[in-house]
PDB file of N, CA and C in Angstrom:
ATOM      1  N   MET A   1      42.134 207.995 127.935  1.00  0.00           N
ATOM      2  CA  MET A   1      42.629 206.727 127.740  1.00  0.00           C
ATOM      3  C   MET A   1      44.284 207.235 128.259  1.00  0.00           C
ATOM      4  N   SER A   2      45.180 206.532 128.322  1.00  0.00           N
ATOM      5  CA  SER A   2      46.430 206.271 129.040  1.00  0.00           C
ATOM      6  C   SER A   2      47.303 206.930 128.057  1.00  0.00           C
ATOM      7  N   LYS A   3      48.907 207.264 128.345  1.00  0.00           N
ATOM      8  CA  LYS A   3      49.414 208.510 127.859  1.00  0.00           C
ATOM      9  C   LYS A   3      49.998 206.884 127.072  1.00  0.00           C
ATOM     10  N   MET A   4      50.208 205.587 127.442  1.00  0.00           N
ATOM     11  CA  MET A   4      50.570 205.001 126.447  1.00  0.00           C
ATOM     12  C   MET A   4      50.109 204.157 125.690  1.00  0.00           C
ATOM     13  N   ASN A   5      48.909 204.274 126.396  1.00  0.00           N
ATOM     14  CA  ASN A   5      47.674 203.849 124.952  1.00  0.00           C
ATOM     15  C   ASN A   5      47.963 204.552 123.870  1.00  0.00           C
ATOM     16  N   GLU A   6      48.091 206.087 124.157  1.00  0.00           N
ATOM     17  CA  GLU A   6      47.735 207.462 123.138  1.00  0.00           C
ATOM     18  C   GLU A   6      49.566 207.202 122.308  1.00  0.00           C
ATOM     19  N   TYR A   7      50.448 206.582 122.683  1.00  0.00           N
ATOM     20  CA  TYR A   7      51.517 206.205 122.100  1.00  0.00           C
ATOM     21  C   TYR A   7      51.082 204.887 121.080  1.00  0.00           C
ATOM     22  N   TRP A   8      50.909 203.977 122.094  1.00  0.00           N
ATOM     23  CA  TRP A   8      50.666 202.538 120.875  1.00  0.00           C
ATOM     24  C   TRP A   8      49.517 202.672 119.483  1.00  0.00           C
ATOM     25  N   LYS A   9      48.267 203.978 120.404  1.00  0.00           N
ATOM     26  CA  LYS A   9      47.641 203.715 119.004  1.00  0.00           C
ATOM     27  C   LYS A   9      47.976 204.992 118.194  1.00  0.00           C
ATOM     28  N   ALA A  10      48.820 205.771 118.254  1.00  0.00           N
ATOM     29  CA  ALA A  10      49.819 206.615 117.281  1.00  0.00           C
ATOM     30  C   ALA A  10      50.733 205.867 116.454  1.00  0.00           C
ATOM     31  N   ASN A  11      51.578 204.605 117.145  1.00  0.00           N
ATOM     32  CA  ASN A  11      52.262 203.773 116.272  1.00  0.00           C
ATOM     33  C   ASN A  11      51.618 202.857 115.056  1.00  0.00           C
ATOM     34  N   LEU A  12      50.565 202.395 115.945  1.00  0.00           N
ATOM     35  CA  LEU A  12      49.844 201.895 115.064  1.00  0.00           C
ATOM     36  C   LEU A  12      48.963 201.669 113.778  1.00  0.00           C
ATOM     37  N   LYS A  13      48.677 203.425 113.714  1.00  0.00           N
ATOM     38  CA  LYS A  13      48.505 204.084 112.953  1.00  0.00           C
ATOM     39  C   LYS A  13      49.745 204.474 111.682  1.00  0.00           C
ATOM     40  N   LEU A  14      50.677 204.762 112.078  1.00  0.00           N
ATOM     41  CA  LEU A  14      51.714 204.927 111.509  1.00  0.00           C
ATOM     42  C   LEU A  14      51.985 203.591 111.057  1.00  0.00           C
ATOM     43  N   VAL A  15      52.252 202.509 111.410  1.00  0.00           N
ATOM     44  CA  VAL A  15      52.747 201.495 110.940  1.00  0.00           C
ATOM     45  C   VAL A  15      51.748 200.862 109.541  1.00  0.00           C
ATOM     46  N   GLY A  16      49.914 201.329 110.233  1.00  0.00           N
ATOM     47  CA  GLY A  16      49.090 201.310 108.822  1.00  0.00           C
ATOM     48  C   GLY A  16      48.976 202.057 107.978  1.00  0.00           C
ATOM     49  N   LEU A  17      49.934 203.374 107.953  1.00  0.00           N
ATOM     50  CA  LEU A  17      49.968 203.705 106.998  1.00  0.00           C
ATOM     51  C   LEU A  17      50.914 203.855 105.758  1.00  0.00           C
ATOM     52  N   CYS A  18      52.056 202.854 106.717  1.00  0.00           N
ATOM     53  CA  CYS A  18      53.407 202.389 106.074  1.00  0.00           C
ATOM     54  C   CYS A  18      53.108 201.004 104.914  1.00  0.00           C
ATOM     55  N   ILE A  19      51.976 200.524 105.755  1.00  0.00           N
ATOM     56  CA  ILE A  19      51.898 199.356 104.990  1.00  0.00           C
ATOM     57  C   ILE A  19      50.885 199.390 103.964  1.00  0.00           C
ATOM     58  N   ALA A  20      49.931 200.172 104.173  1.00  0.00           N
ATOM     59  CA  ALA A  20      48.867 200.511 103.244  1.00  0.00           C
ATOM     60  C   ALA A  20      49.825 201.329 101.775  1.00  0.00           C
ATOM     61  N   ILE A  21      51.211 201.927 101.920  1.00  0.00           N
ATOM     62  CA  ILE A  21      51.437 202.681 100.702  1.00  0.00           C
ATOM     63  C   ILE A  21      52.428 201.848 100.399  1.00  0.00           C
ATOM     64  N   TRP A  22      52.843 200.664 100.679  1.00  0.00           N
ATOM     65  CA  TRP A  22      53.706 199.636 100.545  1.00  0.00           C
ATOM     66  C   TRP A  22      52.635 198.981  99.458  1.00  0.00           C
ATOM     67  N   PHE A  23      51.320 198.452  99.772  1.00  0.00           N
ATOM     68  CA  PHE A  23      50.649 197.981  99.092  1.00  0.00           C
ATOM     69  C   PHE A  23      50.218 198.042  98.146  1.00  0.00           C
ATOM     70  N   VAL A  24      49.906 199.517  98.109  1.00  0.00           N
ATOM     71  CA  VAL A  24      49.492 200.400  96.884  1.00  0.00           C
ATOM     72  C   VAL A  24      50.921 200.571  95.639  1.00  0.00           C
ATOM     73  N   VAL A  25      52.077 200.437  95.809  1.00  0.00           N
ATOM     74  CA  VAL A  25      53.022 200.481  95.617  1.00  0.00           C
ATOM     75  C   VAL A  25      53.234 199.121  94.727  1.00  0.00           C
ATOM     76  N   SER A  26      53.538 198.271  95.671  1.00  0.00           N
ATOM     77  CA  SER A  26      54.324 196.848  95.012  1.00  0.00           C
ATOM     78  C   SER A  26      52.733 196.589  94.984  1.00  0.00           C
ATOM     79  N   PHE A  27      51.974 196.219  94.970  1.00  0.00           N
ATOM     80  CA  PHE A  27      50.767 195.249  94.577  1.00  0.00           C
ATOM     81  C   PHE A  27      49.812 195.967  93.390  1.00  0.00           C
ATOM     82  N   GLY A  28      49.214 197.312  93.730  1.00  0.00           N
ATOM     83  CA  GLY A  28      48.702 198.075  92.617  1.00  0.00           C
ATOM     84  C   GLY A  28      49.141 198.560  91.741  1.00  0.00           C
ATOM     85  N   PHE A  29      50.456 199.244  91.608  1.00  0.00           N
ATOM     86  CA  PHE A  29      51.411 199.338  90.622  1.00  0.00           C
ATOM     87  C   PHE A  29      51.747 198.217  90.122  1.00  0.00           C
ATOM     88  N   SER A  30      52.463 197.507  90.603  1.00  0.00           N
ATOM     89  CA  SER A  30      52.918 196.277  90.078  1.00  0.00           C
ATOM     90  C   SER A  30      51.929 195.377  89.242  1.00  0.00           C
ATOM     91  N   ILE A  31      50.690 195.382  89.484  1.00  0.00           N
ATOM     92  CA  ILE A  31      50.043 194.180  89.019  1.00  0.00           C
ATOM     93  C   ILE A  31      48.541 195.041  88.943  1.00  0.00           C
ATOM     94  N   LEU A  32      48.058 195.497  89.690  1.00  0.00           N
ATOM     95  CA  LEU A  32      46.294 195.887  89.509  1.00  0.00           C
ATOM     96  C   LEU A  32      46.551 197.117  88.321  1.00  0.00           C
ATOM     97  N   PHE A  33      47.786 197.739  88.458  1.00  0.00           N
ATOM     98  CA  PHE A  33      47.479 199.105  87.372  1.00  0.00           C
ATOM     99  C   PHE A  33      48.625 198.577  86.404  1.00  0.00           C
ATOM    100  N   VAL A  34      49.512 197.742  86.024  1.00  0.00           N
ATOM    101  CA  VAL A  34      50.255 197.358  85.076  1.00  0.00           C
ATOM    102  C   VAL A  34      50.372 198.007  83.921  1.00  0.00           C
ATOM    103  N   ASP A  35      49.248 197.687  83.710  1.00  0.00           N
ATOM    104  CA  ASP A  35      48.931 198.091  81.741  1.00  0.00           C
ATOM    105  C   ASP A  35      48.399 199.245  81.580  1.00  0.00           C
ATOM    106  N   ALA A  36      47.737 200.393  83.110  1.00  0.00           N
ATOM    107  CA  ALA A  36      47.623 201.575  82.501  1.00  0.00           C
ATOM    108  C   ALA A  36      49.558 202.455  82.604  1.00  0.00           C
ATOM    109  N   LEU A  37      50.090 201.689  83.724  1.00  0.00           N
ATOM    110  CA  LEU A  37      51.653 202.612  83.484  1.00  0.00           C
ATOM    111  C   LEU A  37      52.388 202.123  82.807  1.00  0.00           C
ATOM    112  N   ASN A  38      52.478 200.920  81.791  1.00  0.00           N
ATOM    113  CA  ASN A  38      53.239 200.217  81.093  1.00  0.00           C
ATOM    114  C   ASN A  38      52.793 201.763  79.914  1.00  0.00           C
ATOM    115  N   GLY A  39      52.083 202.354  79.372  1.00  0.00           N
ATOM    116  CA  GLY A  39      51.838 202.749  78.309  1.00  0.00           C
ATOM    117  C   GLY A  39      52.970 204.855  78.922  1.00  0.00           C
ATOM    118  N   ILE A  40      53.670 204.479  80.060  1.00  0.00           N
ATOM    119  CA  ILE A  40      54.513 205.409  80.344  1.00  0.00           C
ATOM    120  C   ILE A  40      56.070 204.770  80.614  1.00  0.00           C
ATOM    121  N   ARG A  41      57.410 205.274  80.188  1.00  0.00           N
ATOM    122  CA  ARG A  41      58.365 204.342  80.087  1.00  0.00           C
ATOM    123  C   ARG A  41      59.827 205.906  80.901  1.00  0.00           C
ATOM    124  N   LEU A  42      60.097 204.838  82.265  1.00  0.00           N
ATOM    125  CA  LEU A  42      61.000 205.596  82.895  1.00  0.00           C
ATOM    126  C   LEU A  42      62.392 204.634  82.652  1.00  0.00           C
ATOM    127  N   GLY A  43      63.375 206.196  81.612  1.00  0.00           N
ATOM    128  CA  GLY A  43      64.381 205.241  81.624  1.00  0.00           C
ATOM    129  C   GLY A  43      64.605 204.631  80.122  1.00  0.00           C
ATOM    130  N   GLY A  44      63.641 204.211  79.888  1.00  0.00           N
ATOM    131  CA  GLY A  44      63.617 203.352  78.572  1.00  0.00           C
ATOM    132  C   GLY A  44      62.547 202.331  79.130  1.00  0.00           C
ATOM    133  N   TYR A  45      61.979 201.839  80.322  1.00  0.00           N
ATOM    134  CA  TYR A  45      61.402 200.715  81.072  1.00  0.00           C
ATOM    135  C   TYR A  45      60.155 200.907  80.390  1.00  0.00           C
ATOM    136  N   LYS A  46      59.273 200.452  80.649  1.00  0.00           N
ATOM    137  CA  LYS A  46      57.493 200.433  80.774  1.00  0.00           C
ATOM    138  C   LYS A  46      57.793 201.176  82.496  1.00  0.00           C
ATOM    139  N   LEU A  47      56.389 201.989  83.713  1.00  0.00           N
ATOM    140  CA  LEU A  47      56.621 202.033  84.346  1.00  0.00           C
ATOM    141  C   LEU A  47      56.223 201.030  84.926  1.00  0.00           C
ATOM    142  N   GLY A  48      55.578 200.653  84.725  1.00  0.00           N
ATOM    143  CA  GLY A  48      55.111 199.069  85.221  1.00  0.00           C
ATOM    144  C   GLY A  48      55.671 198.164  85.708  1.00  0.00           C
ATOM    145  N   PHE A  49      56.374 197.472  84.669  1.00  0.00           N
ATOM    146  CA  PHE A  49      57.809 196.857  84.869  1.00  0.00           C
ATOM    147  C   PHE A  49      58.600 197.260  85.841  1.00  0.00           C
ATOM    148  N   TRP A  50      58.939 198.530  86.243  1.00  0.00           N
ATOM    149  CA  TRP A  50      59.691 199.573  86.531  1.00  0.00           C
ATOM    150  C   TRP A  50      59.143 198.804  88.302  1.00  0.00           C
ATOM    151  N   PHE A  51      58.372 199.560  88.170  1.00  0.00           N
ATOM    152  CA  PHE A  51      57.418 199.210  89.835  1.00  0.00           C
ATOM    153  C   PHE A  51      57.808 197.660  89.914  1.00  0.00           C
ATOM    154  N   ALA A  52      57.560 197.471  89.810  1.00  0.00           N
ATOM    155  CA  ALA A  52      57.456 195.495  89.793  1.00  0.00           C
ATOM    156  C   ALA A  52      58.803 195.559  89.861  1.00  0.00           C
ATOM    157  N   GLN A  53      59.545 195.505  89.462  1.00  0.00           N
ATOM    158  CA  GLN A  53      61.215 195.585  89.585  1.00  0.00           C
ATOM    159  C   GLN A  53      62.274 196.256  90.494  1.00  0.00           C
ATOM    160  N   GLN A  54      61.745 197.627  90.552  1.00  0.00           N
ATOM    161  CA  GLN A  54      62.643 198.797  91.159  1.00  0.00           C
ATOM    162  C   GLN A  54      61.984 199.468  92.467  1.00  0.00           C
ATOM    163  N   GLY A  55      60.698 199.750  91.985  1.00  0.00           N
ATOM    164  CA  GLY A  55      60.025 200.685  92.409  1.00  0.00           C
ATOM    165  C   GLY A  55      59.289 200.549  93.970  1.00  0.00           C
ATOM    166  N   SER A  56      58.970 199.177  93.682  1.00  0.00           N
ATOM    167  CA  SER A  56      58.619 198.648  95.187  1.00  0.00           C
ATOM    168  C   SER A  56      59.630 198.355  96.074  1.00  0.00           C
ATOM    169  N   ILE A  57      60.887 198.040  95.731  1.00  0.00           N
ATOM    170  CA  ILE A  57      61.845 198.073  96.509  1.00  0.00           C
ATOM    171  C   ILE A  57      62.600 199.429  97.562  1.00  0.00           C
ATOM    172  N   TYR A  58      62.285 200.592  95.826  1.00  0.00           N
ATOM    173  CA  TYR A  58      62.762 202.130  96.993  1.00  0.00           C
ATOM    174  C   TYR A  58      61.830 202.302  97.968  1.00  0.00           C
ATOM    175  N   THR A  59      60.420 202.151  97.299  1.00  0.00           N
ATOM    176  CA  THR A  59      59.356 202.814  97.832  1.00  0.00           C
ATOM    177  C   THR A  59      60.058 202.089  99.472  1.00  0.00           C
ATOM    178  N   PHE A  60      60.083 200.564  99.841  1.00  0.00           N
ATOM    179  CA  PHE A  60      60.320 200.168 100.808  1.00  0.00           C
ATOM    180  C   PHE A  60      61.100 200.697 101.828  1.00  0.00           C
ATOM    181  N   VAL A  61      62.439 200.994 100.462  1.00  0.00           N
ATOM    182  CA  VAL A  61      63.341 201.709 101.636  1.00  0.00           C
ATOM    183  C   VAL A  61      63.497 202.883 102.153  1.00  0.00           C
ATOM    184  N   ALA A  62      62.839 203.569 101.472  1.00  0.00           N
ATOM    185  CA  ALA A  62      62.009 205.014 101.731  1.00  0.00           C
ATOM    186  C   ALA A  62      61.215 205.451 103.196  1.00  0.00           C
ATOM    187  N   LEU A  63      60.340 204.407 102.825  1.00  0.00           N
ATOM    188  CA  LEU A  63      59.055 204.053 104.317  1.00  0.00           C
ATOM    189  C   LEU A  63      60.046 203.647 105.482  1.00  0.00           C
ATOM    190  N   ILE A  64      61.031 202.874 105.663  1.00  0.00           N
ATOM    191  CA  ILE A  64      61.903 202.314 105.961  1.00  0.00           C
ATOM    192  C   ILE A  64      62.580 203.767 106.932  1.00  0.00           C
ATOM    193  N   PHE A  65      62.900 205.024 106.190  1.00  0.00           N
ATOM    194  CA  PHE A  65      63.476 205.994 107.044  1.00  0.00           C
ATOM    195  C   PHE A  65      62.799 207.184 107.494  1.00  0.00           C
ATOM    196  N   PHE A  66      61.428 206.936 106.902  1.00  0.00           N
ATOM    197  CA  PHE A  66      59.909 207.760 107.109  1.00  0.00           C
ATOM    198  C   PHE A  66      59.777 206.742 108.397  1.00  0.00           C
ATOM    199  N   TYR A  67      59.168 206.070 108.779  1.00  0.00           N
ATOM    200  CA  TYR A  67      59.138 205.629 109.668  1.00  0.00           C
ATOM    201  C   TYR A  67      60.042 205.823 111.333  1.00  0.00           C
ATOM    202  N   ALA A  68      61.362 205.140 110.488  1.00  0.00           N
ATOM    203  CA  ALA A  68      62.171 206.056 111.836  1.00  0.00           C
ATOM    204  C   ALA A  68      62.493 206.928 111.761  1.00  0.00           C
ATOM    205  N   ASN A  69      61.999 208.249 111.505  1.00  0.00           N
ATOM    206  CA  ASN A  69      61.980 209.676 111.715  1.00  0.00           C
ATOM    207  C   ASN A  69      60.686 209.680 112.125  1.00  0.00           C
ATOM    208  N   ARG A  70      59.716 209.112 112.259  1.00  0.00           N
ATOM    209  CA  ARG A  70      58.187 209.632 112.472  1.00  0.00           C
ATOM    210  C   ARG A  70      58.314 208.767 113.444  1.00  0.00           C
ATOM    211  N   MET A  71      59.392 208.041 114.018  1.00  0.00           N
ATOM    212  CA  MET A  71      58.957 207.100 115.376  1.00  0.00           C
ATOM    213  C   MET A  71      59.582 208.133 116.343  1.00  0.00           C
ATOM    214  N   ALA A  72      60.849 207.968 115.950  1.00  0.00           N
ATOM    215  CA  ALA A  72      61.428 209.291 116.923  1.00  0.00           C
ATOM    216  C   ALA A  72      60.894 210.379 117.285  1.00  0.00           C
ATOM    217  N   LYS A  73      60.236 211.092 116.293  1.00  0.00           N
ATOM    218  CA  LYS A  73      59.199 212.442 116.699  1.00  0.00           C
ATOM    219  C   LYS A  73      57.704 211.646 117.629  1.00  0.00           C
ATOM    220  N   LEU A  74      57.559 211.000 117.310  1.00  0.00           N
ATOM    221  CA  LEU A  74      56.398 210.470 118.536  1.00  0.00           C
ATOM    222  C   LEU A  74      57.046 209.965 119.664  1.00  0.00           C
ATOM    223  N   ASP A  75      58.568 208.916 119.628  1.00  0.00           N
ATOM    224  CA  ASP A  75      59.174 209.115 120.818  1.00  0.00           C
ATOM    225  C   ASP A  75      59.598 210.638 121.754  1.00  0.00           C
ATOM    226  N   ARG A  76      60.013 211.492 121.120  1.00  0.00           N
ATOM    227  CA  ARG A  76      60.215 212.332 121.616  1.00  0.00           C
ATOM    228  C   ARG A  76      58.658 213.392 122.566  1.00  0.00           C
ATOM    229  N   LYS A  77      57.814 213.122 121.713  1.00  0.00           N
ATOM    230  CA  LYS A  77      56.547 213.927 121.825  1.00  0.00           C
ATOM    231  C   LYS A  77      55.729 212.778 123.211  1.00  0.00           C
ATOM    232  N   PHE A  78      56.033 211.602 123.214  1.00  0.00           N
ATOM    233  CA  PHE A  78      55.468 210.859 124.035  1.00  0.00           C
ATOM    234  C   PHE A  78      56.382 210.518 125.592  1.00  0.00           C
ATOM    235  N   GLY A  79      57.903 210.995 125.306  1.00  0.00           N
ATOM    236  CA  GLY A  79      58.864 210.812 126.508  1.00  0.00           C
ATOM    237  C   GLY A  79      59.318 209.788 126.609  1.00  0.00           C
ATOM    238  N   VAL A  80      59.441 208.747 125.649  1.00  0.00           N
ATOM    239  CA  VAL A  80      59.711 207.208 125.586  1.00  0.00           C
ATOM    240  C   VAL A  80      61.029 207.433 124.594  1.00  0.00           C
ATOM    241  N   GLU A  81      61.676 208.664 124.439  1.00  0.00           N
ATOM    242  CA  GLU A  81      63.027 208.535 123.548  1.00  0.00           C
ATOM    243  C   GLU A  81      63.911 207.630 124.362  1.00  0.00           C
ATOM    244  N   GLU A  82      65.339 206.914 123.101  1.00  0.00           N
ATOM    245  CA  GLU A  82      66.119 206.714 123.875  1.00  0.00           C
ATOM    246  C   GLU A  82      67.319 207.172 124.008  1.00  0.00           C
ATOM    247  N   ASP A  83      68.411 206.874 124.899  1.00  0.00           N
ATOM    248  CA  ASP A  83      69.271 207.992 124.929  1.00  0.00           C
ATOM    249  C   ASP A  83      70.331 207.693 124.046  1.00  0.00           C
TER     250      ASP A  83
END
């Protein structure tokens, strides 16, 4: 496999991981597991409600920084970093 194909495969794997995490947090915690999570309180609010309103947004922002950091490392590894 060529170097660029390996780079693209690693990029897609990272994107897939980020999308999977965001899906679990935004859909799973906010919709599927809301009843189980509502038994726990966070700052006076039910945890399922918190994930639906704030948690998925915070997770998305954290994933942006995670993705940018990992892509910078991946770019350096494959020699395609920006100047």
